[in-house]
Amino acid sequence: MIGQEEEEEEEDDSLPLDETIRSFLRPFTAVLREARDARLRGHVEERVFHHLMRQSDVGIAYDEVRKRLNSLRGKYLVFEFFVLAGRRRRGGRSGNRRGGG
């Protein structure tokens, strides 16, 4: 019981979770807002914000959807490549036949 009371007292003394997160992110949001270097902004965005987002339930779900879309997009692009390559081959053959005949 004493441990639980001590935890409650510590929670009362600390900042609320939202304010703690805001104070942690404040310098990084300043970089995104004020930095002129696109590379620096990109690093902060990826290494801080995207990393934190990937740890949340929403971020994990989004990452799964993004991975599925990327894999489907990759399969579609491969399929599209073969379709276009087939058209070029057929077009090239018929062009050669017309020119040679």
N, C-alpha and C. Protein backbone atom coordinates (compact mmCIF):
# COMPACT_ATOMS: atom_id res chain seq x y z
N MET A 1 0.81 -1.18 0.00
CA MET A 1 0.00 0.00 0.00
C MET A 1 0.86 1.26 0.00
N ILE A 2 1.99 1.22 0.69
CA ILE A 2 2.86 2.39 0.76
C ILE A 2 3.41 2.70 -0.63
N GLY A 3 3.81 1.68 -1.38
CA GLY A 3 4.35 1.87 -2.73
C GLY A 3 3.34 2.54 -3.64
N GLN A 4 2.08 2.16 -3.53
CA GLN A 4 1.04 2.74 -4.36
C GLN A 4 0.84 4.22 -4.03
N GLU A 5 0.90 4.56 -2.74
CA GLU A 5 0.74 5.95 -2.34
C GLU A 5 1.91 6.80 -2.85
N GLU A 6 3.12 6.23 -2.81
CA GLU A 6 4.29 6.94 -3.30
C GLU A 6 4.18 7.20 -4.80
N GLU A 7 3.67 6.21 -5.54
CA GLU A 7 3.48 6.38 -6.98
C GLU A 7 2.49 7.50 -7.27
N GLU A 8 1.41 7.54 -6.50
CA GLU A 8 0.41 8.58 -6.70
C GLU A 8 0.99 9.96 -6.43
N GLU A 9 1.83 10.06 -5.39
CA GLU A 9 2.46 11.34 -5.08
C GLU A 9 3.41 11.76 -6.19
N GLU A 10 4.19 10.81 -6.73
CA GLU A 10 5.11 11.11 -7.82
C GLU A 10 4.35 11.57 -9.05
N GLU A 11 3.23 10.93 -9.35
CA GLU A 11 2.43 11.31 -10.51
C GLU A 11 1.91 12.73 -10.35
N ASP A 12 1.55 13.11 -9.14
CA ASP A 12 1.03 14.45 -8.91
C ASP A 12 2.11 15.50 -9.13
N ASP A 13 3.38 15.18 -8.81
CA ASP A 13 4.48 16.11 -8.94
C ASP A 13 4.96 16.24 -10.39
N SER A 14 4.74 15.24 -11.20
CA SER A 14 5.26 15.26 -12.57
C SER A 14 4.30 15.98 -13.51
N LEU A 15 4.83 16.32 -14.67
CA LEU A 15 4.01 16.97 -15.69
C LEU A 15 3.00 15.97 -16.26
N PRO A 16 1.87 16.43 -16.71
CA PRO A 16 0.95 15.52 -17.40
C PRO A 16 1.64 14.95 -18.64
N LEU A 17 1.22 13.78 -19.06
CA LEU A 17 1.87 13.09 -20.17
C LEU A 17 1.88 13.94 -21.44
N ASP A 18 0.77 14.57 -21.76
CA ASP A 18 0.73 15.41 -22.97
C ASP A 18 1.76 16.52 -22.92
N GLU A 19 1.89 17.16 -21.78
CA GLU A 19 2.85 18.26 -21.64
C GLU A 19 4.28 17.73 -21.69
N THR A 20 4.52 16.57 -21.14
CA THR A 20 5.85 15.96 -21.19
C THR A 20 6.24 15.69 -22.64
N ILE A 21 5.32 15.12 -23.40
CA ILE A 21 5.59 14.83 -24.80
C ILE A 21 5.81 16.12 -25.58
N ARG A 22 4.99 17.11 -25.33
CA ARG A 22 5.15 18.40 -26.02
C ARG A 22 6.51 19.03 -25.71
N SER A 23 6.92 18.98 -24.45
CA SER A 23 8.21 19.59 -24.09
C SER A 23 9.37 18.82 -24.72
N PHE A 24 9.22 17.51 -24.86
CA PHE A 24 10.24 16.71 -25.52
C PHE A 24 10.31 17.03 -27.02
N LEU A 25 9.17 17.22 -27.66
CA LEU A 25 9.12 17.43 -29.10
C LEU A 25 9.36 18.88 -29.52
N ARG A 26 9.26 19.81 -28.59
CA ARG A 26 9.37 21.24 -28.90
C ARG A 26 10.62 21.58 -29.72
N PRO A 27 11.82 21.13 -29.34
CA PRO A 27 13.01 21.48 -30.14
C PRO A 27 12.96 20.91 -31.56
N PHE A 28 12.37 19.72 -31.70
CA PHE A 28 12.29 19.09 -33.01
C PHE A 28 11.27 19.79 -33.91
N THR A 29 10.16 20.23 -33.33
CA THR A 29 9.19 20.99 -34.12
C THR A 29 9.78 22.33 -34.54
N ALA A 30 10.62 22.90 -33.69
CA ALA A 30 11.29 24.16 -34.06
C ALA A 30 12.20 23.95 -35.26
N VAL A 31 12.90 22.82 -35.30
CA VAL A 31 13.76 22.52 -36.45
C VAL A 31 12.91 22.40 -37.72
N LEU A 32 11.80 21.68 -37.62
CA LEU A 32 10.94 21.53 -38.80
C LEU A 32 10.38 22.87 -39.26
N ARG A 33 10.08 23.72 -38.32
CA ARG A 33 9.46 25.01 -38.64
C ARG A 33 10.48 26.02 -39.15
N GLU A 34 11.70 26.02 -38.61
CA GLU A 34 12.63 27.11 -38.86
C GLU A 34 13.85 26.76 -39.70
N ALA A 35 14.23 25.49 -39.75
CA ALA A 35 15.46 25.12 -40.45
C ALA A 35 15.30 25.30 -41.96
N ARG A 36 16.33 25.83 -42.59
CA ARG A 36 16.31 26.01 -44.04
C ARG A 36 16.87 24.79 -44.76
N ASP A 37 17.64 24.00 -44.05
CA ASP A 37 18.28 22.83 -44.64
C ASP A 37 17.27 21.69 -44.76
N ALA A 38 16.88 21.36 -45.98
CA ALA A 38 15.88 20.31 -46.21
C ALA A 38 16.37 18.95 -45.71
N ARG A 39 17.66 18.72 -45.83
CA ARG A 39 18.22 17.45 -45.38
C ARG A 39 18.06 17.29 -43.86
N LEU A 40 18.33 18.35 -43.12
CA LEU A 40 18.17 18.32 -41.66
C LEU A 40 16.70 18.10 -41.29
N ARG A 41 15.80 18.83 -41.96
CA ARG A 41 14.37 18.65 -41.69
C ARG A 41 13.94 17.21 -41.98
N GLY A 42 14.45 16.65 -43.07
CA GLY A 42 14.12 15.27 -43.42
C GLY A 42 14.60 14.27 -42.38
N HIS A 43 15.80 14.49 -41.87
CA HIS A 43 16.34 13.60 -40.84
C HIS A 43 15.51 13.69 -39.56
N VAL A 44 15.17 14.90 -39.15
CA VAL A 44 14.36 15.07 -37.93
C VAL A 44 12.99 14.42 -38.11
N GLU A 45 12.39 14.64 -39.27
CA GLU A 45 11.07 14.05 -39.53
C GLU A 45 11.12 12.53 -39.48
N GLU A 46 12.12 11.96 -40.14
CA GLU A 46 12.21 10.49 -40.19
C GLU A 46 12.64 9.90 -38.85
N ARG A 47 13.70 10.44 -38.28
CA ARG A 47 14.30 9.83 -37.09
C ARG A 47 13.54 10.10 -35.81
N VAL A 48 12.76 11.16 -35.76
CA VAL A 48 12.00 11.48 -34.55
C VAL A 48 10.52 11.17 -34.74
N PHE A 49 9.89 11.89 -35.65
CA PHE A 49 8.44 11.80 -35.77
C PHE A 49 7.97 10.48 -36.37
N HIS A 50 8.58 10.06 -37.46
CA HIS A 50 8.17 8.78 -38.04
C HIS A 50 8.49 7.62 -37.11
N HIS A 51 9.63 7.70 -36.44
CA HIS A 51 10.00 6.64 -35.51
C HIS A 51 8.99 6.54 -34.36
N LEU A 52 8.59 7.67 -33.82
CA LEU A 52 7.57 7.66 -32.76
C LEU A 52 6.24 7.15 -33.27
N MET A 53 5.89 7.58 -34.47
CA MET A 53 4.62 7.15 -35.04
C MET A 53 4.58 5.64 -35.25
N ARG A 54 5.70 5.08 -35.69
CA ARG A 54 5.74 3.63 -35.93
C ARG A 54 5.60 2.83 -34.64
N GLN A 55 5.78 3.46 -33.49
CA GLN A 55 5.65 2.76 -32.22
C GLN A 55 4.22 2.79 -31.68
N SER A 56 3.36 3.62 -32.26
CA SER A 56 1.97 3.71 -31.78
C SER A 56 1.12 2.66 -32.50
N ASP A 57 -0.03 2.34 -31.95
CA ASP A 57 -0.93 1.38 -32.58
C ASP A 57 -1.36 1.85 -33.96
N VAL A 58 -1.69 3.13 -34.07
CA VAL A 58 -2.09 3.69 -35.36
C VAL A 58 -0.93 3.63 -36.34
N GLY A 59 0.25 3.96 -35.88
CA GLY A 59 1.42 3.94 -36.74
C GLY A 59 1.78 2.54 -37.21
N ILE A 60 1.63 1.57 -36.34
CA ILE A 60 1.91 0.17 -36.70
C ILE A 60 0.91 -0.28 -37.76
N ALA A 61 -0.37 0.05 -37.58
CA ALA A 61 -1.39 -0.31 -38.56
C ALA A 61 -1.11 0.37 -39.90
N TYR A 62 -0.75 1.65 -39.86
CA TYR A 62 -0.43 2.38 -41.08
C TYR A 62 0.76 1.76 -41.80
N ASP A 63 1.77 1.38 -41.05
CA ASP A 63 2.97 0.78 -41.63
C ASP A 63 2.63 -0.52 -42.34
N GLU A 64 1.75 -1.32 -41.74
CA GLU A 64 1.32 -2.58 -42.37
C GLU A 64 0.60 -2.31 -43.69
N VAL A 65 -0.30 -1.33 -43.69
CA VAL A 65 -1.02 -0.99 -44.91
C VAL A 65 -0.06 -0.48 -45.97
N ARG A 66 0.87 0.38 -45.56
CA ARG A 66 1.85 0.92 -46.50
C ARG A 66 2.71 -0.19 -47.11
N LYS A 67 3.12 -1.15 -46.29
CA LYS A 67 3.92 -2.27 -46.80
C LYS A 67 3.13 -3.08 -47.82
N ARG A 68 1.86 -3.34 -47.51
CA ARG A 68 1.01 -4.09 -48.45
C ARG A 68 0.85 -3.33 -49.76
N LEU A 69 0.59 -2.03 -49.67
CA LEU A 69 0.43 -1.23 -50.89
C LEU A 69 1.71 -1.22 -51.70
N ASN A 70 2.85 -1.08 -51.03
CA ASN A 70 4.12 -1.07 -51.74
C ASN A 70 4.38 -2.40 -52.42
N SER A 71 4.04 -3.51 -51.75
CA SER A 71 4.27 -4.81 -52.37
C SER A 71 3.32 -4.99 -53.56
N LEU A 72 2.08 -4.54 -53.44
CA LEU A 72 1.15 -4.62 -54.57
C LEU A 72 1.60 -3.70 -55.70
N ARG A 73 2.05 -2.51 -55.35
CA ARG A 73 2.52 -1.57 -56.36
C ARG A 73 3.72 -2.16 -57.09
N GLY A 74 4.60 -2.81 -56.35
CA GLY A 74 5.76 -3.44 -56.98
C GLY A 74 5.34 -4.54 -57.93
N LYS A 75 4.37 -5.36 -57.52
CA LYS A 75 3.88 -6.44 -58.39
C LYS A 75 3.22 -5.85 -59.62
N TYR A 76 2.45 -4.78 -59.42
CA TYR A 76 1.79 -4.14 -60.55
C TYR A 76 2.81 -3.57 -61.53
N LEU A 77 3.86 -2.94 -60.99
CA LEU A 77 4.88 -2.36 -61.86
C LEU A 77 5.61 -3.44 -62.65
N VAL A 78 5.87 -4.59 -62.02
CA VAL A 78 6.52 -5.70 -62.72
C VAL A 78 5.61 -6.20 -63.82
N PHE A 79 4.31 -6.36 -63.50
CA PHE A 79 3.34 -6.81 -64.50
C PHE A 79 3.27 -5.81 -65.65
N GLU A 80 3.19 -4.53 -65.32
CA GLU A 80 3.12 -3.48 -66.33
C GLU A 80 4.37 -3.50 -67.22
N PHE A 81 5.51 -3.74 -66.61
CA PHE A 81 6.76 -3.81 -67.37
C PHE A 81 6.69 -4.92 -68.40
N PHE A 82 6.22 -6.10 -67.97
CA PHE A 82 6.15 -7.22 -68.90
C PHE A 82 5.12 -6.98 -70.00
N VAL A 83 4.01 -6.35 -69.66
CA VAL A 83 3.01 -6.03 -70.68
C VAL A 83 3.60 -5.08 -71.71
N LEU A 84 4.24 -4.00 -71.23
CA LEU A 84 4.84 -3.05 -72.15
C LEU A 84 5.97 -3.67 -72.96
N ALA A 85 6.77 -4.51 -72.34
CA ALA A 85 7.86 -5.17 -73.04
C ALA A 85 7.30 -6.08 -74.13
N GLY A 86 6.20 -6.78 -73.84
CA GLY A 86 5.54 -7.64 -74.83
C GLY A 86 5.01 -6.83 -76.00
N ARG A 87 4.44 -5.69 -75.74
CA ARG A 87 3.93 -4.83 -76.81
C ARG A 87 5.07 -4.35 -77.70
N ARG A 88 6.17 -3.97 -77.07
CA ARG A 88 7.31 -3.48 -77.85
C ARG A 88 7.87 -4.58 -78.74
N ARG A 89 7.95 -5.80 -78.18
CA ARG A 89 8.47 -6.91 -78.96
C ARG A 89 7.57 -7.18 -80.16
N ARG A 90 6.26 -7.23 -79.90
CA ARG A 90 5.32 -7.49 -81.00
C ARG A 90 5.38 -6.36 -82.03
N GLY A 91 5.43 -5.13 -81.55
CA GLY A 91 5.51 -3.98 -82.45
C GLY A 91 6.80 -3.99 -83.25
N GLY A 92 7.88 -4.36 -82.60
CA GLY A 92 9.17 -4.40 -83.28
C GLY A 92 9.21 -5.47 -84.34
N ARG A 93 8.63 -6.62 -84.04
CA ARG A 93 8.61 -7.72 -85.03
C ARG A 93 7.78 -7.34 -86.24
N SER A 94 6.57 -6.80 -85.98
CA SER A 94 5.72 -6.44 -87.10
C SER A 94 6.34 -5.32 -87.93
N GLY A 95 7.04 -4.42 -87.24
CA GLY A 95 7.72 -3.34 -87.96
C GLY A 95 8.81 -3.89 -88.86
N ASN A 96 9.54 -4.91 -88.36
CA ASN A 96 10.59 -5.51 -89.17
C ASN A 96 10.00 -6.25 -90.37
N ARG A 97 8.87 -6.90 -90.15
CA ARG A 97 8.24 -7.65 -91.25
C ARG A 97 7.77 -6.69 -92.33
N ARG A 98 7.21 -5.57 -91.91
CA ARG A 98 6.72 -4.62 -92.92
C ARG A 98 7.90 -4.03 -93.71
N GLY A 99 8.94 -3.71 -92.97
CA GLY A 99 10.09 -3.10 -93.64
C GLY A 99 10.80 -4.07 -94.56
N GLY A 100 10.80 -5.37 -94.22
CA GLY A 100 11.52 -6.36 -94.99
C GLY A 100 10.69 -6.93 -96.13
N GLY A 101 9.36 -6.71 -96.16
CA GLY A 101 8.50 -7.40 -97.10
C GLY A 101 8.04 -6.55 -98.15
